[in-house]
Amino acid sequence: MIAGNTRRRQIGGIGTAARVVLGLALLALGVTGGRVSVMNGQVGIGFEPISVVVGVVGFPAVVLALQWLRARVVPTRLEATGPGSTALNMLVLAALLLTPWYAPPLAFTSVAALVFYGASMLLAALRGYSGCEVTAISNSILGRDDQVGCLVLSPVDDLERRLTGSSNAGQSVASPTKPFDGGPGRD
């Protein structure tokens, strides 16, 4: 089931702008392979087709499959938003970004991660999604609102909520600073 447009935006203008700017920056870094050079008036980039394909198709497919399987076994909403889950999420991101240093043959996954996170942030901005960008694509496809902790954008969303006094603008359901409540899927 694909989520419809009846879903309320969970972020306001600041959260949307942060996701668009960061998403475009990550996508640009990913598509250029993080390398842009000018030699003799010619612009060269480090475009790696395999990285773009893995970032646009591979990583979203893996997250979608894992989220779909989890939803079949445990149909309740995933709320892995505590400090442990957030740290694990950031550890996975760091592992992907540092791949060239510890597994050079898999270095393309570093650039693929930039493409995946960038595209996911743009979708999150479009949908008004306050959760972590890791689940933005799969949640959109599955019509779910599963959450994992997001160290990067949760503080932006929380700040926006405080600045605007809005109960939904910037409402971050995936804040790593939320207290543990013992609910299903929490750490």
N, C-alpha and C. Protein backbone atom coordinates (compact mmCIF):
# COMPACT_ATOMS: atom_id res chain seq x y z
N MET A 1 0.85 -1.17 0.00
CA MET A 1 0.00 0.00 0.00
C MET A 1 0.89 1.23 0.00
N ILE A 2 0.59 2.19 -0.82
CA ILE A 2 1.34 3.43 -0.87
C ILE A 2 0.59 4.47 -0.07
N ALA A 3 1.32 5.19 0.78
CA ALA A 3 0.70 6.19 1.63
C ALA A 3 0.10 7.30 0.79
N GLY A 4 -1.06 7.72 1.17
CA GLY A 4 -1.74 8.78 0.43
C GLY A 4 -1.32 10.16 0.89
N ASN A 5 -1.88 11.17 0.25
CA ASN A 5 -1.57 12.55 0.57
C ASN A 5 -2.37 13.06 1.75
N THR A 6 -3.18 12.22 2.39
CA THR A 6 -3.97 12.65 3.53
C THR A 6 -3.11 12.77 4.78
N ARG A 7 -1.92 12.31 4.74
CA ARG A 7 -1.00 12.35 5.87
C ARG A 7 -0.57 13.78 6.14
N ARG A 8 -0.63 14.20 7.39
CA ARG A 8 -0.23 15.56 7.77
C ARG A 8 1.28 15.70 7.76
N ARG A 9 1.74 16.87 7.40
CA ARG A 9 3.18 17.16 7.45
C ARG A 9 3.62 17.17 8.91
N GLN A 10 4.75 16.53 9.17
CA GLN A 10 5.29 16.49 10.52
C GLN A 10 6.36 17.55 10.72
N ILE A 11 6.78 18.21 9.66
CA ILE A 11 7.82 19.23 9.75
C ILE A 11 7.33 20.52 9.12
N GLY A 12 7.92 21.61 9.56
CA GLY A 12 7.60 22.91 9.01
C GLY A 12 8.67 23.37 8.04
N GLY A 13 8.74 24.66 7.83
CA GLY A 13 9.65 25.24 6.86
C GLY A 13 11.12 25.02 7.15
N ILE A 14 11.51 25.11 8.42
CA ILE A 14 12.92 24.94 8.78
C ILE A 14 13.36 23.49 8.54
N GLY A 15 12.56 22.54 8.99
CA GLY A 15 12.89 21.13 8.78
C GLY A 15 12.90 20.77 7.31
N THR A 16 11.96 21.33 6.55
CA THR A 16 11.91 21.07 5.12
C THR A 16 13.15 21.64 4.44
N ALA A 17 13.49 22.90 4.76
CA ALA A 17 14.67 23.54 4.16
C ALA A 17 15.95 22.78 4.51
N ALA A 18 16.07 22.35 5.77
CA ALA A 18 17.26 21.60 6.18
C ALA A 18 17.39 20.31 5.37
N ARG A 19 16.29 19.61 5.16
CA ARG A 19 16.32 18.37 4.39
C ARG A 19 16.63 18.62 2.92
N VAL A 20 16.08 19.69 2.36
CA VAL A 20 16.36 20.00 0.95
C VAL A 20 17.82 20.35 0.77
N VAL A 21 18.35 21.24 1.61
CA VAL A 21 19.76 21.66 1.48
C VAL A 21 20.69 20.49 1.70
N LEU A 22 20.50 19.76 2.78
CA LEU A 22 21.37 18.62 3.07
C LEU A 22 21.19 17.52 2.03
N GLY A 23 19.96 17.26 1.62
CA GLY A 23 19.69 16.24 0.60
C GLY A 23 20.36 16.57 -0.72
N LEU A 24 20.24 17.82 -1.17
CA LEU A 24 20.88 18.22 -2.42
C LEU A 24 22.41 18.14 -2.32
N ALA A 25 22.95 18.55 -1.17
CA ALA A 25 24.41 18.49 -0.98
C ALA A 25 24.90 17.04 -1.02
N LEU A 26 24.22 16.15 -0.30
CA LEU A 26 24.63 14.75 -0.29
C LEU A 26 24.47 14.11 -1.66
N LEU A 27 23.37 14.43 -2.34
CA LEU A 27 23.14 13.89 -3.67
C LEU A 27 24.21 14.39 -4.65
N ALA A 28 24.55 15.67 -4.57
CA ALA A 28 25.60 16.23 -5.44
C ALA A 28 26.95 15.56 -5.16
N LEU A 29 27.27 15.38 -3.88
CA LEU A 29 28.51 14.69 -3.52
C LEU A 29 28.52 13.27 -4.04
N GLY A 30 27.38 12.60 -3.92
CA GLY A 30 27.29 11.21 -4.37
C GLY A 30 27.39 11.08 -5.87
N VAL A 31 26.66 11.91 -6.59
CA VAL A 31 26.66 11.81 -8.06
C VAL A 31 28.02 12.19 -8.64
N THR A 32 28.71 13.11 -8.01
CA THR A 32 30.04 13.50 -8.50
C THR A 32 31.14 12.62 -7.92
N GLY A 33 30.78 11.68 -7.09
CA GLY A 33 31.78 10.83 -6.46
C GLY A 33 32.64 11.62 -5.48
N GLY A 34 32.15 12.79 -5.10
CA GLY A 34 32.89 13.64 -4.17
C GLY A 34 34.09 14.31 -4.80
N ARG A 35 34.19 14.21 -6.13
CA ARG A 35 35.36 14.79 -6.81
C ARG A 35 34.91 15.64 -8.00
N VAL A 36 35.30 16.89 -7.96
CA VAL A 36 35.10 17.79 -9.10
C VAL A 36 36.44 18.46 -9.35
N SER A 37 36.91 18.39 -10.60
CA SER A 37 38.20 19.01 -10.92
C SER A 37 38.07 19.77 -12.24
N VAL A 38 38.88 20.78 -12.36
CA VAL A 38 38.93 21.55 -13.60
C VAL A 38 40.38 21.52 -14.09
N MET A 39 40.56 20.99 -15.28
CA MET A 39 41.90 20.92 -15.88
C MET A 39 41.80 21.39 -17.33
N ASN A 40 42.61 22.34 -17.67
CA ASN A 40 42.62 22.88 -19.03
C ASN A 40 41.23 23.30 -19.49
N GLY A 41 40.48 23.91 -18.60
CA GLY A 41 39.14 24.39 -18.95
C GLY A 41 38.08 23.30 -19.00
N GLN A 42 38.42 22.07 -18.69
CA GLN A 42 37.47 20.95 -18.70
C GLN A 42 37.11 20.56 -17.27
N VAL A 43 35.83 20.40 -17.03
CA VAL A 43 35.36 19.99 -15.71
C VAL A 43 35.26 18.47 -15.70
N GLY A 44 35.85 17.88 -14.69
CA GLY A 44 35.78 16.43 -14.54
C GLY A 44 35.16 16.09 -13.18
N ILE A 45 34.40 15.01 -13.15
CA ILE A 45 33.81 14.56 -11.90
C ILE A 45 34.14 13.07 -11.72
N GLY A 46 33.97 12.62 -10.50
CA GLY A 46 34.24 11.22 -10.20
C GLY A 46 32.99 10.37 -10.25
N PHE A 47 32.16 10.59 -11.26
CA PHE A 47 30.90 9.85 -11.40
C PHE A 47 31.16 8.35 -11.45
N GLU A 48 30.47 7.62 -10.57
CA GLU A 48 30.58 6.17 -10.51
C GLU A 48 29.19 5.58 -10.68
N PRO A 49 28.86 5.08 -11.87
CA PRO A 49 27.50 4.56 -12.11
C PRO A 49 27.06 3.49 -11.11
N ILE A 50 27.96 2.61 -10.71
CA ILE A 50 27.59 1.56 -9.77
C ILE A 50 27.16 2.16 -8.43
N SER A 51 27.82 3.22 -8.01
CA SER A 51 27.46 3.87 -6.75
C SER A 51 26.08 4.48 -6.82
N VAL A 52 25.77 5.11 -7.93
CA VAL A 52 24.46 5.75 -8.08
C VAL A 52 23.36 4.69 -8.12
N VAL A 53 23.59 3.60 -8.84
CA VAL A 53 22.59 2.52 -8.91
C VAL A 53 22.38 1.90 -7.53
N VAL A 54 23.46 1.62 -6.83
CA VAL A 54 23.34 1.04 -5.49
C VAL A 54 22.63 2.02 -4.55
N GLY A 55 22.94 3.31 -4.66
CA GLY A 55 22.31 4.32 -3.80
C GLY A 55 20.85 4.55 -4.09
N VAL A 56 20.46 4.46 -5.37
CA VAL A 56 19.07 4.73 -5.76
C VAL A 56 18.21 3.48 -5.73
N VAL A 57 18.81 2.32 -6.02
CA VAL A 57 18.03 1.08 -6.11
C VAL A 57 18.42 0.09 -5.00
N GLY A 58 19.70 -0.17 -4.85
CA GLY A 58 20.17 -1.21 -3.93
C GLY A 58 19.85 -0.96 -2.47
N PHE A 59 20.33 0.15 -1.94
CA PHE A 59 20.08 0.44 -0.52
C PHE A 59 18.60 0.57 -0.21
N PRO A 60 17.82 1.31 -1.03
CA PRO A 60 16.38 1.36 -0.74
C PRO A 60 15.72 -0.02 -0.79
N ALA A 61 16.15 -0.87 -1.70
CA ALA A 61 15.58 -2.22 -1.79
C ALA A 61 15.90 -3.04 -0.55
N VAL A 62 17.10 -2.92 -0.04
CA VAL A 62 17.49 -3.65 1.17
C VAL A 62 16.67 -3.16 2.37
N VAL A 63 16.58 -1.85 2.54
CA VAL A 63 15.81 -1.30 3.66
C VAL A 63 14.33 -1.67 3.52
N LEU A 64 13.80 -1.58 2.30
CA LEU A 64 12.40 -1.95 2.05
C LEU A 64 12.16 -3.42 2.40
N ALA A 65 13.04 -4.31 1.96
CA ALA A 65 12.88 -5.74 2.24
C ALA A 65 12.93 -6.01 3.74
N LEU A 66 13.89 -5.40 4.43
CA LEU A 66 14.00 -5.61 5.88
C LEU A 66 12.78 -5.07 6.61
N GLN A 67 12.32 -3.90 6.21
CA GLN A 67 11.17 -3.30 6.86
C GLN A 67 9.90 -4.10 6.56
N TRP A 68 9.77 -4.59 5.35
CA TRP A 68 8.60 -5.39 4.97
C TRP A 68 8.59 -6.70 5.76
N LEU A 69 9.75 -7.36 5.84
CA LEU A 69 9.84 -8.62 6.60
C LEU A 69 9.53 -8.39 8.07
N ARG A 70 10.08 -7.33 8.64
CA ARG A 70 9.82 -7.03 10.04
C ARG A 70 8.33 -6.78 10.27
N ALA A 71 7.69 -6.06 9.35
CA ALA A 71 6.27 -5.75 9.48
C ALA A 71 5.41 -7.02 9.39
N ARG A 72 5.88 -8.03 8.68
CA ARG A 72 5.13 -9.29 8.57
C ARG A 72 5.24 -10.08 9.87
N VAL A 73 6.38 -10.00 10.52
CA VAL A 73 6.60 -10.73 11.76
C VAL A 73 6.02 -9.97 12.95
N VAL A 74 6.29 -8.67 13.00
CA VAL A 74 5.81 -7.81 14.08
C VAL A 74 5.10 -6.63 13.42
N PRO A 75 3.79 -6.68 13.26
CA PRO A 75 3.09 -5.65 12.51
C PRO A 75 2.98 -4.29 13.20
N THR A 76 3.33 -4.22 14.48
CA THR A 76 3.26 -2.92 15.16
C THR A 76 4.33 -1.99 14.62
N ARG A 77 4.12 -0.72 14.82
CA ARG A 77 5.04 0.31 14.36
C ARG A 77 6.40 0.17 15.05
N LEU A 78 7.45 0.22 14.27
CA LEU A 78 8.81 0.18 14.82
C LEU A 78 9.13 1.56 15.40
N GLU A 79 9.57 1.57 16.64
CA GLU A 79 9.97 2.82 17.29
C GLU A 79 11.33 2.62 17.95
N ALA A 80 12.35 2.48 17.13
CA ALA A 80 13.71 2.29 17.63
C ALA A 80 14.38 3.67 17.68
N THR A 81 13.95 4.48 18.65
CA THR A 81 14.37 5.88 18.68
C THR A 81 15.20 6.25 19.90
N GLY A 82 15.55 5.29 20.70
CA GLY A 82 16.34 5.59 21.89
C GLY A 82 17.80 5.81 21.56
N PRO A 83 18.60 6.10 22.57
CA PRO A 83 20.02 6.37 22.35
C PRO A 83 20.78 5.21 21.71
N GLY A 84 20.47 3.98 22.11
CA GLY A 84 21.16 2.82 21.54
C GLY A 84 20.86 2.65 20.05
N SER A 85 19.60 2.77 19.69
CA SER A 85 19.21 2.65 18.28
C SER A 85 19.78 3.78 17.45
N THR A 86 19.78 4.98 18.01
CA THR A 86 20.34 6.12 17.30
C THR A 86 21.84 5.92 17.08
N ALA A 87 22.53 5.46 18.12
CA ALA A 87 23.97 5.20 17.99
C ALA A 87 24.23 4.12 16.94
N LEU A 88 23.42 3.06 16.93
CA LEU A 88 23.58 2.00 15.94
C LEU A 88 23.35 2.55 14.53
N ASN A 89 22.34 3.39 14.36
CA ASN A 89 22.07 4.02 13.07
C ASN A 89 23.27 4.85 12.60
N MET A 90 23.84 5.62 13.50
CA MET A 90 25.01 6.45 13.15
C MET A 90 26.24 5.58 12.89
N LEU A 91 26.36 4.46 13.59
CA LEU A 91 27.47 3.53 13.38
C LEU A 91 27.39 2.91 11.98
N VAL A 92 26.17 2.55 11.56
CA VAL A 92 25.99 2.00 10.20
C VAL A 92 26.37 3.05 9.16
N LEU A 93 25.93 4.29 9.36
CA LEU A 93 26.28 5.36 8.43
C LEU A 93 27.79 5.55 8.38
N ALA A 94 28.43 5.60 9.53
CA ALA A 94 29.90 5.76 9.57
C ALA A 94 30.59 4.60 8.87
N ALA A 95 30.10 3.38 9.11
CA ALA A 95 30.70 2.21 8.46
C ALA A 95 30.59 2.31 6.94
N LEU A 96 29.44 2.75 6.46
CA LEU A 96 29.27 2.91 5.01
C LEU A 96 30.19 3.99 4.45
N LEU A 97 30.26 5.12 5.13
CA LEU A 97 31.07 6.23 4.63
C LEU A 97 32.57 5.94 4.70
N LEU A 98 32.99 5.12 5.64
CA LEU A 98 34.41 4.82 5.82
C LEU A 98 34.87 3.56 5.08
N THR A 99 33.99 2.96 4.30
CA THR A 99 34.32 1.74 3.57
C THR A 99 35.62 1.82 2.78
N PRO A 100 35.94 2.94 2.11
CA PRO A 100 37.19 2.98 1.34
C PRO A 100 38.44 2.73 2.20
N TRP A 101 38.37 3.01 3.49
CA TRP A 101 39.54 2.83 4.35
C TRP A 101 39.69 1.41 4.86
N TYR A 102 38.58 0.70 5.07
CA TYR A 102 38.73 -0.65 5.63
C TYR A 102 38.38 -1.77 4.65
N ALA A 103 37.72 -1.43 3.54
CA ALA A 103 37.37 -2.45 2.53
C ALA A 103 37.39 -1.82 1.14
N PRO A 104 38.59 -1.48 0.65
CA PRO A 104 38.70 -0.78 -0.64
C PRO A 104 37.89 -1.37 -1.80
N PRO A 105 37.76 -2.69 -1.92
CA PRO A 105 36.95 -3.21 -3.04
C PRO A 105 35.47 -2.80 -2.96
N LEU A 106 35.01 -2.45 -1.77
CA LEU A 106 33.62 -2.04 -1.57
C LEU A 106 33.49 -0.52 -1.41
N ALA A 107 34.50 0.21 -1.83
CA ALA A 107 34.53 1.66 -1.66
C ALA A 107 33.33 2.35 -2.30
N PHE A 108 32.76 1.77 -3.34
CA PHE A 108 31.61 2.37 -4.00
C PHE A 108 30.42 2.55 -3.06
N THR A 109 30.35 1.75 -1.98
CA THR A 109 29.23 1.87 -1.06
C THR A 109 29.26 3.19 -0.30
N SER A 110 30.43 3.77 -0.17
CA SER A 110 30.55 5.07 0.50
C SER A 110 29.80 6.14 -0.29
N VAL A 111 30.05 6.18 -1.59
CA VAL A 111 29.38 7.16 -2.45
C VAL A 111 27.90 6.79 -2.58
N ALA A 112 27.59 5.50 -2.64
CA ALA A 112 26.20 5.06 -2.73
C ALA A 112 25.40 5.52 -1.51
N ALA A 113 26.03 5.50 -0.34
CA ALA A 113 25.36 5.96 0.88
C ALA A 113 25.00 7.44 0.76
N LEU A 114 25.89 8.24 0.18
CA LEU A 114 25.59 9.66 -0.02
C LEU A 114 24.38 9.84 -0.92
N VAL A 115 24.32 9.07 -2.00
CA VAL A 115 23.18 9.14 -2.93
C VAL A 115 21.90 8.72 -2.21
N PHE A 116 21.95 7.60 -1.49
CA PHE A 116 20.78 7.09 -0.78
C PHE A 116 20.26 8.10 0.25
N TYR A 117 21.15 8.59 1.10
CA TYR A 117 20.72 9.53 2.13
C TYR A 117 20.23 10.83 1.52
N GLY A 118 20.90 11.31 0.46
CA GLY A 118 20.48 12.54 -0.20
C GLY A 118 19.09 12.41 -0.81
N ALA A 119 18.86 11.34 -1.56
CA ALA A 119 17.56 11.12 -2.18
C ALA A 119 16.48 10.92 -1.12
N SER A 120 16.81 10.21 -0.05
CA SER A 120 15.85 9.98 1.03
C SER A 120 15.47 11.28 1.72
N MET A 121 16.45 12.16 1.92
CA MET A 121 16.15 13.45 2.55
C MET A 121 15.24 14.30 1.68
N LEU A 122 15.46 14.25 0.38
CA LEU A 122 14.60 15.02 -0.53
C LEU A 122 13.17 14.48 -0.49
N LEU A 123 13.01 13.17 -0.45
CA LEU A 123 11.67 12.59 -0.33
C LEU A 123 11.04 12.97 1.01
N ALA A 124 11.82 12.93 2.07
CA ALA A 124 11.31 13.31 3.40
C ALA A 124 10.86 14.77 3.40
N ALA A 125 11.61 15.65 2.74
CA ALA A 125 11.22 17.06 2.65
C ALA A 125 9.92 17.20 1.88
N LEU A 126 9.80 16.48 0.79
CA LEU A 126 8.60 16.54 -0.04
C LEU A 126 7.37 16.05 0.73
N ARG A 127 7.53 14.98 1.48
CA ARG A 127 6.41 14.39 2.22
C ARG A 127 6.18 15.03 3.58
N GLY A 128 7.11 15.87 4.04
CA GLY A 128 6.96 16.46 5.37
C GLY A 128 7.22 15.47 6.47
N TYR A 129 8.11 14.53 6.22
CA TYR A 129 8.40 13.40 7.11
C TYR A 129 9.48 13.78 8.11
N SER A 130 9.18 13.64 9.40
CA SER A 130 10.15 14.02 10.43
C SER A 130 11.03 12.87 10.89
N GLY A 131 10.76 11.69 10.44
CA GLY A 131 11.56 10.55 10.87
C GLY A 131 12.91 10.52 10.18
N CYS A 132 13.73 9.55 10.56
CA CYS A 132 15.04 9.41 9.96
C CYS A 132 14.91 9.09 8.47
N GLU A 133 15.78 9.69 7.69
CA GLU A 133 15.74 9.51 6.24
C GLU A 133 15.96 8.06 5.82
N VAL A 134 16.55 7.24 6.67
CA VAL A 134 16.77 5.84 6.34
C VAL A 134 15.46 5.14 5.98
N THR A 135 14.38 5.48 6.67
CA THR A 135 13.10 4.82 6.43
C THR A 135 12.15 5.64 5.57
N ALA A 136 12.56 6.78 5.06
CA ALA A 136 11.65 7.65 4.29
C ALA A 136 11.11 6.95 3.04
N ILE A 137 11.97 6.30 2.28
CA ILE A 137 11.53 5.65 1.04
C ILE A 137 10.65 4.44 1.34
N SER A 138 11.12 3.57 2.22
CA SER A 138 10.36 2.35 2.52
C SER A 138 9.04 2.67 3.22
N ASN A 139 9.03 3.65 4.12
CA ASN A 139 7.77 4.05 4.75
C ASN A 139 6.78 4.56 3.70
N SER A 140 7.27 5.31 2.75
CA SER A 140 6.42 5.86 1.69
C SER A 140 5.81 4.73 0.86
N ILE A 141 6.61 3.75 0.50
CA ILE A 141 6.13 2.64 -0.32
C ILE A 141 5.19 1.73 0.46
N LEU A 142 5.53 1.45 1.71
CA LEU A 142 4.74 0.52 2.52
C LEU A 142 3.56 1.18 3.23
N GLY A 143 3.50 2.52 3.19
CA GLY A 143 2.43 3.22 3.88
C GLY A 143 2.54 3.09 5.39
N ARG A 144 3.77 3.03 5.89
CA ARG A 144 4.02 2.88 7.32
C ARG A 144 4.64 4.15 7.88
N ASP A 145 4.82 4.16 9.19
CA ASP A 145 5.49 5.27 9.85
C ASP A 145 6.47 4.71 10.89
N ASP A 146 7.27 3.73 10.45
CA ASP A 146 8.28 3.16 11.34
C ASP A 146 9.36 4.21 11.58
N GLN A 147 9.95 4.18 12.76
CA GLN A 147 10.91 5.20 13.14
C GLN A 147 12.20 4.59 13.67
N VAL A 148 13.31 5.19 13.27
CA VAL A 148 14.61 4.89 13.86
C VAL A 148 15.24 6.21 14.27
N GLY A 149 16.09 6.17 15.27
CA GLY A 149 16.69 7.38 15.79
C GLY A 149 17.54 8.12 14.78
N CYS A 150 17.40 9.44 14.75
CA CYS A 150 18.13 10.28 13.81
C CYS A 150 18.86 11.38 14.56
N LEU A 151 20.16 11.27 14.61
CA LEU A 151 20.97 12.23 15.34
C LEU A 151 21.10 13.55 14.60
N VAL A 152 20.96 13.54 13.28
CA VAL A 152 21.22 14.72 12.47
C VAL A 152 20.04 15.68 12.43
N LEU A 153 18.86 15.21 12.08
CA LEU A 153 17.73 16.12 11.86
C LEU A 153 16.75 16.23 13.02
N SER A 154 16.76 15.30 13.94
CA SER A 154 15.87 15.40 15.09
C SER A 154 16.09 16.70 15.87
N PRO A 155 17.33 17.11 16.12
CA PRO A 155 17.53 18.38 16.83
C PRO A 155 16.98 19.58 16.04
N VAL A 156 17.08 19.54 14.72
CA VAL A 156 16.52 20.63 13.90
C VAL A 156 15.01 20.67 14.06
N ASP A 157 14.37 19.51 13.99
CA ASP A 157 12.92 19.44 14.13
C ASP A 157 12.47 19.87 15.52
N ASP A 158 13.21 19.44 16.54
CA ASP A 158 12.86 19.84 17.91
C ASP A 158 13.00 21.35 18.09
N LEU A 159 14.06 21.93 17.55
CA LEU A 159 14.26 23.38 17.62
C LEU A 159 13.13 24.11 16.91
N GLU A 160 12.75 23.64 15.74
CA GLU A 160 11.67 24.29 15.00
C GLU A 160 10.36 24.25 15.80
N ARG A 161 10.10 23.12 16.41
CA ARG A 161 8.88 23.00 17.21
C ARG A 161 8.89 24.00 18.36
N ARG A 162 10.05 24.16 19.01
CA ARG A 162 10.14 25.11 20.12
C ARG A 162 10.02 26.55 19.62
N LEU A 163 10.65 26.87 18.49
CA LEU A 163 10.61 28.23 17.95
C LEU A 163 9.22 28.64 17.48
N THR A 164 8.52 27.71 16.86
CA THR A 164 7.20 28.04 16.30
C THR A 164 6.08 27.80 17.29
N GLY A 165 6.36 27.05 18.35
CA GLY A 165 5.32 26.72 19.31
C GLY A 165 4.27 25.80 18.73
N SER A 166 4.59 25.17 17.61
CA SER A 166 3.65 24.29 16.94
C SER A 166 3.73 22.89 17.52
N SER A 167 2.59 22.24 17.56
CA SER A 167 2.57 20.87 18.08
C SER A 167 2.94 19.86 17.00
N ASN A 168 2.86 20.26 15.70
CA ASN A 168 3.22 19.29 14.68
C ASN A 168 4.40 19.73 13.84
N ALA A 169 4.66 21.01 13.67
CA ALA A 169 5.81 21.44 12.88
C ALA A 169 7.07 21.05 13.63
N GLY A 170 7.87 20.24 13.00
CA GLY A 170 9.11 19.82 13.62
C GLY A 170 8.91 18.73 14.66
N GLN A 171 7.72 18.17 14.74
CA GLN A 171 7.49 17.12 15.72
C GLN A 171 8.35 15.93 15.36
N SER A 172 9.34 15.70 16.15
CA SER A 172 10.26 14.62 15.86
C SER A 172 9.91 13.41 16.70
N VAL A 173 9.39 12.42 16.03
CA VAL A 173 9.07 11.19 16.73
C VAL A 173 10.30 10.31 16.84
N ALA A 174 11.39 10.72 16.21
CA ALA A 174 12.60 9.90 16.19
C ALA A 174 13.74 10.60 16.90
N SER A 175 13.45 11.24 17.99
CA SER A 175 14.46 11.98 18.71
C SER A 175 15.28 11.08 19.61
N PRO A 176 16.62 11.17 19.49
CA PRO A 176 17.45 10.33 20.35
C PRO A 176 17.44 10.79 21.80
N THR A 177 16.84 11.94 22.09
CA THR A 177 16.80 12.45 23.45
C THR A 177 15.51 12.09 24.16
N LYS A 178 14.58 11.41 23.45
CA LYS A 178 13.35 10.99 24.09
C LYS A 178 13.65 9.93 25.14
N PRO A 179 12.97 9.98 26.28
CA PRO A 179 13.22 8.95 27.30
C PRO A 179 12.71 7.60 26.84
N PHE A 180 13.34 6.57 27.35
CA PHE A 180 12.95 5.20 27.05
C PHE A 180 11.59 4.93 27.68
N ASP A 181 10.68 4.38 26.87
CA ASP A 181 9.36 4.10 27.42
C ASP A 181 9.02 2.62 27.46
N GLY A 182 9.98 1.78 27.04
CA GLY A 182 9.76 0.35 27.13
C GLY A 182 8.82 -0.22 26.09
N GLY A 183 8.40 0.60 25.12
CA GLY A 183 7.48 0.13 24.08
C GLY A 183 8.16 -0.86 23.14
N PRO A 184 7.35 -1.50 22.28
CA PRO A 184 7.91 -2.49 21.36
C PRO A 184 8.91 -1.87 20.42
N GLY A 185 10.02 -2.54 20.22
CA GLY A 185 11.02 -2.09 19.27
C GLY A 185 11.96 -1.04 19.82
N ARG A 186 11.73 -0.59 21.02
CA ARG A 186 12.62 0.42 21.61
C ARG A 186 13.83 -0.25 22.22
N ASP A 187 14.92 0.51 22.34
CA ASP A 187 16.08 -0.08 23.03
C ASP A 187 16.11 0.29 24.46
